[in-house]
Structures are given as structure tokens and as C-alpha cells.
N, C-alpha and C. Protein backbone atom coordinates (compact mmCIF):
# COMPACT_ATOMS: atom_id res chain seq x y z
N MET A 1 -20.43 2.15 17.57
CA MET A 1 -19.36 2.69 16.69
C MET A 1 -18.91 1.50 15.52
N LYS A 2 -18.83 1.96 14.32
CA LYS A 2 -18.72 0.93 13.26
C LYS A 2 -17.18 0.72 13.36
N SER A 3 -16.78 -0.63 13.10
CA SER A 3 -15.49 -1.06 13.06
C SER A 3 -14.87 -0.41 11.85
N LYS A 4 -13.53 -0.42 11.90
CA LYS A 4 -12.69 0.04 10.71
C LYS A 4 -12.85 -0.88 9.53
N SER A 5 -12.96 -0.30 8.38
CA SER A 5 -13.20 -0.96 7.11
C SER A 5 -11.96 -1.82 6.75
N ILE A 6 -12.21 -2.90 6.12
CA ILE A 6 -10.96 -3.75 5.69
C ILE A 6 -9.91 -3.04 5.03
N ARG A 7 -10.16 -2.01 4.12
CA ARG A 7 -9.23 -1.19 3.51
C ARG A 7 -8.51 -0.53 4.52
N LEU A 8 -8.90 0.15 5.37
CA LEU A 8 -8.25 0.89 6.44
C LEU A 8 -7.43 -0.04 7.37
N GLN A 9 -7.84 -1.13 7.73
CA GLN A 9 -7.10 -1.97 8.43
C GLN A 9 -5.88 -2.51 7.68
N VAL A 10 -6.16 -2.81 6.37
CA VAL A 10 -4.97 -3.24 5.46
C VAL A 10 -3.93 -2.16 5.32
N GLU A 11 -4.44 -0.88 5.06
CA GLU A 11 -3.50 0.20 4.90
C GLU A 11 -2.77 0.31 6.14
N GLU A 12 -3.27 0.19 7.28
CA GLU A 12 -2.45 0.41 8.43
C GLU A 12 -1.37 -0.59 8.55
N ILE A 13 -1.54 -1.86 8.33
CA ILE A 13 -0.57 -2.87 8.21
C ILE A 13 0.49 -2.63 7.21
N LEU A 14 -0.10 -2.31 6.07
CA LEU A 14 0.90 -2.01 4.99
C LEU A 14 1.85 -0.93 5.23
N GLN A 15 1.43 0.11 6.02
CA GLN A 15 2.28 1.19 6.35
C GLN A 15 3.41 0.72 7.29
N LYS A 16 3.12 -0.29 7.98
CA LYS A 16 4.24 -0.84 8.74
C LYS A 16 5.22 -1.64 8.12
N LEU A 17 4.69 -2.28 6.98
CA LEU A 17 5.62 -3.28 6.26
C LEU A 17 6.25 -2.35 5.07
N LYS A 18 5.80 -1.37 4.69
CA LYS A 18 6.47 -0.58 3.53
C LYS A 18 7.82 -0.31 3.78
N PRO A 19 8.42 0.20 4.91
CA PRO A 19 9.81 0.54 4.92
C PRO A 19 10.70 -0.59 4.61
N TYR A 20 10.35 -1.73 4.94
CA TYR A 20 11.09 -3.02 4.55
C TYR A 20 11.20 -3.23 3.05
N LEU A 21 10.13 -2.90 2.43
CA LEU A 21 10.09 -3.15 0.92
C LEU A 21 10.76 -2.05 0.35
N HIS A 22 10.71 -0.66 0.91
CA HIS A 22 11.43 0.41 0.28
C HIS A 22 12.84 0.27 0.38
N LYS A 23 13.42 -0.47 1.32
CA LYS A 23 14.88 -0.73 1.48
C LYS A 23 15.42 -1.41 0.19
N ASP A 24 14.54 -2.22 -0.47
CA ASP A 24 14.98 -2.95 -1.68
C ASP A 24 14.40 -2.38 -2.93
N GLY A 25 13.86 -1.10 -2.80
CA GLY A 25 13.39 -0.35 -3.91
C GLY A 25 12.04 -0.71 -4.46
N GLY A 26 11.26 -1.41 -3.41
CA GLY A 26 9.98 -1.89 -3.85
C GLY A 26 8.79 -1.23 -2.96
N ASP A 27 7.48 -1.63 -3.33
CA ASP A 27 6.44 -0.99 -2.60
C ASP A 27 5.22 -2.00 -2.78
N VAL A 28 4.22 -1.75 -2.00
CA VAL A 28 2.83 -2.56 -2.15
C VAL A 28 1.77 -1.46 -2.15
N GLU A 29 0.68 -1.85 -2.90
CA GLU A 29 -0.46 -1.13 -2.89
C GLU A 29 -1.70 -1.86 -2.72
N TYR A 30 -2.64 -1.34 -1.97
CA TYR A 30 -4.12 -2.00 -1.91
C TYR A 30 -4.80 -1.87 -3.21
N VAL A 31 -5.28 -2.93 -3.79
CA VAL A 31 -6.18 -2.92 -4.97
C VAL A 31 -7.58 -3.02 -4.80
N ARG A 32 -8.06 -4.12 -4.03
CA ARG A 32 -9.33 -4.44 -3.63
C ARG A 32 -9.55 -5.49 -2.69
N PHE A 33 -10.69 -5.59 -2.01
CA PHE A 33 -11.02 -6.89 -1.16
C PHE A 33 -12.31 -7.24 -1.78
N GLU A 34 -12.16 -8.63 -2.04
CA GLU A 34 -13.22 -9.40 -2.62
C GLU A 34 -14.03 -10.04 -1.67
N GLU A 35 -15.25 -9.46 -1.14
CA GLU A 35 -15.87 -10.00 0.03
C GLU A 35 -16.49 -11.39 -0.12
N GLU A 36 -16.90 -11.70 -1.38
CA GLU A 36 -17.48 -13.05 -1.59
C GLU A 36 -16.34 -14.16 -1.36
N THR A 37 -15.14 -14.05 -1.85
CA THR A 37 -14.06 -15.07 -1.63
C THR A 37 -13.12 -14.70 -0.34
N ARG A 38 -13.34 -13.53 0.26
CA ARG A 38 -12.51 -12.97 1.39
C ARG A 38 -11.03 -13.01 0.86
N THR A 39 -10.91 -12.50 -0.44
CA THR A 39 -9.47 -12.39 -1.00
C THR A 39 -9.14 -10.98 -1.00
N LEU A 40 -7.98 -10.64 -0.58
CA LEU A 40 -7.39 -9.34 -0.58
C LEU A 40 -6.39 -9.31 -1.77
N VAL A 41 -6.53 -8.35 -2.75
CA VAL A 41 -5.69 -8.26 -3.83
C VAL A 41 -4.86 -7.00 -3.66
N LEU A 42 -3.53 -7.19 -3.77
CA LEU A 42 -2.46 -6.17 -3.66
C LEU A 42 -1.69 -6.08 -5.00
N ARG A 43 -1.01 -4.95 -5.16
CA ARG A 43 -0.09 -4.79 -6.29
C ARG A 43 1.32 -4.43 -5.71
N LEU A 44 2.24 -5.35 -6.09
CA LEU A 44 3.72 -5.16 -5.89
C LEU A 44 4.25 -4.30 -6.84
N THR A 45 5.00 -3.15 -6.47
CA THR A 45 5.61 -2.19 -7.44
C THR A 45 6.98 -2.05 -7.22
N GLY A 46 7.62 -1.20 -8.11
CA GLY A 46 9.10 -1.05 -8.00
C GLY A 46 9.81 -2.40 -8.27
N ASN A 47 10.91 -2.54 -7.51
CA ASN A 47 11.65 -3.75 -7.66
C ASN A 47 10.86 -5.05 -7.11
N CYS A 48 9.91 -4.87 -6.38
CA CYS A 48 9.16 -6.02 -5.99
C CYS A 48 8.25 -6.67 -7.07
N ALA A 49 7.89 -5.74 -8.00
CA ALA A 49 7.11 -6.23 -9.06
C ALA A 49 7.71 -7.33 -9.84
N ASP A 50 9.04 -7.24 -10.14
CA ASP A 50 9.69 -8.20 -11.03
C ASP A 50 10.66 -9.16 -10.37
N CYS A 51 10.64 -9.13 -9.02
CA CYS A 51 11.59 -9.86 -8.14
C CYS A 51 11.25 -11.26 -8.19
N PRO A 52 12.05 -12.10 -8.43
CA PRO A 52 11.71 -13.53 -8.27
C PRO A 52 11.21 -14.03 -6.94
N MET A 53 11.68 -13.24 -5.94
CA MET A 53 11.35 -13.59 -4.46
C MET A 53 9.91 -12.92 -4.11
N SER A 54 9.23 -12.29 -5.07
CA SER A 54 8.08 -11.54 -4.71
C SER A 54 6.92 -12.48 -4.06
N MET A 55 6.80 -13.72 -4.55
CA MET A 55 5.75 -14.52 -3.95
C MET A 55 6.12 -14.93 -2.45
N MET A 56 7.53 -15.08 -2.25
CA MET A 56 7.87 -15.36 -0.80
C MET A 56 7.61 -14.09 0.02
N THR A 57 7.77 -12.90 -0.42
CA THR A 57 7.59 -11.63 0.30
C THR A 57 6.08 -11.69 0.48
N LEU A 58 5.25 -11.92 -0.48
CA LEU A 58 3.79 -11.89 -0.32
C LEU A 58 3.29 -12.94 0.57
N ARG A 59 3.68 -14.14 0.53
CA ARG A 59 3.11 -15.19 1.33
C ARG A 59 3.77 -15.18 2.74
N GLY A 60 5.03 -15.08 2.85
CA GLY A 60 5.89 -15.17 4.12
C GLY A 60 5.88 -14.00 4.93
N GLY A 61 5.61 -12.87 4.21
CA GLY A 61 5.71 -11.60 4.97
C GLY A 61 4.25 -10.94 5.08
N ILE A 62 3.85 -10.34 3.99
CA ILE A 62 2.65 -9.55 3.87
C ILE A 62 1.40 -10.40 4.37
N GLU A 63 1.22 -11.41 3.56
CA GLU A 63 -0.05 -12.32 3.98
C GLU A 63 -0.01 -12.79 5.45
N ARG A 64 1.10 -13.11 5.81
CA ARG A 64 1.12 -13.64 7.25
C ARG A 64 0.67 -12.57 8.27
N PHE A 65 1.13 -11.24 8.11
CA PHE A 65 0.64 -10.24 8.94
C PHE A 65 -0.91 -10.00 8.81
N ILE A 66 -1.33 -9.91 7.54
CA ILE A 66 -2.68 -9.50 7.28
C ILE A 66 -3.52 -10.69 7.85
N LEU A 67 -3.36 -11.92 7.59
CA LEU A 67 -4.10 -13.00 8.18
C LEU A 67 -4.13 -13.06 9.71
N LYS A 68 -3.12 -12.56 10.36
CA LYS A 68 -3.02 -12.51 11.85
C LYS A 68 -3.83 -11.52 12.44
N TYR A 69 -3.87 -10.35 11.80
CA TYR A 69 -4.53 -9.18 12.25
C TYR A 69 -6.00 -8.92 11.73
N ILE A 70 -6.27 -9.50 10.54
CA ILE A 70 -7.68 -9.16 9.99
C ILE A 70 -8.24 -10.49 9.57
N PRO A 71 -9.03 -11.10 10.58
CA PRO A 71 -9.71 -12.34 10.39
C PRO A 71 -10.68 -12.42 9.10
N GLU A 72 -11.17 -11.33 8.51
CA GLU A 72 -12.03 -11.24 7.45
C GLU A 72 -11.49 -11.76 6.31
N VAL A 73 -10.01 -11.55 6.26
CA VAL A 73 -9.20 -11.90 4.95
C VAL A 73 -8.89 -13.39 5.08
N ARG A 74 -9.17 -14.09 3.99
CA ARG A 74 -8.79 -15.53 3.94
C ARG A 74 -7.46 -15.80 3.19
N ARG A 75 -7.34 -14.96 2.13
CA ARG A 75 -6.03 -15.17 1.33
C ARG A 75 -5.68 -13.74 0.75
N VAL A 76 -4.43 -13.66 0.32
CA VAL A 76 -3.90 -12.48 -0.29
C VAL A 76 -3.31 -12.85 -1.61
N GLU A 77 -3.84 -12.11 -2.68
CA GLU A 77 -3.24 -12.37 -4.15
C GLU A 77 -2.58 -11.18 -4.55
N LYS A 78 -1.83 -11.25 -5.59
CA LYS A 78 -1.27 -10.02 -6.24
C LYS A 78 -1.65 -10.08 -7.71
N VAL A 79 -1.70 -8.70 -8.20
CA VAL A 79 -1.95 -8.48 -9.58
C VAL A 79 -0.67 -8.01 -10.33
């Protein structure tokens, strides 16, 4: 049996994190996974797109969970 795709794994984690972002009027979307650099690219939307704390949300929250549960991902960036 083939393991879950990176995108599916990311989407599952994001579904668990989205309610917290929604409380502040924000959201997050999967954009792409760059295999050669092992970089996951996400888009912060709503209030999260322009929030001065968005990098803290990305690094301290989202990235921390992604790296813990998906070892194929080395870093998370936003567009």
C-alpha cells in the first residue's frame, strides 16, 4: 500500500489547525511541496495574510506541527 501523499498529510494537519486561525478571521491554504528543497509552501489568507504576527503563527504553530508529523518536509514558507 502506498503511503499518503505529502499534500494529503499536510491537508490533514491544516484541518486540525484551521479552527484556531478562523477564530481570528484567518485561514491557511496548501500551495505546493518542492521536493528538491523539501520546502512546503503555504498561503495565509484573511486576517492572517496581513497580520504582523503571521511569521510567528507560521513558524511557532504551523511549521512546528508539520515538521513533527511529516519528516519529508524540511521547512515551511509562505507566499
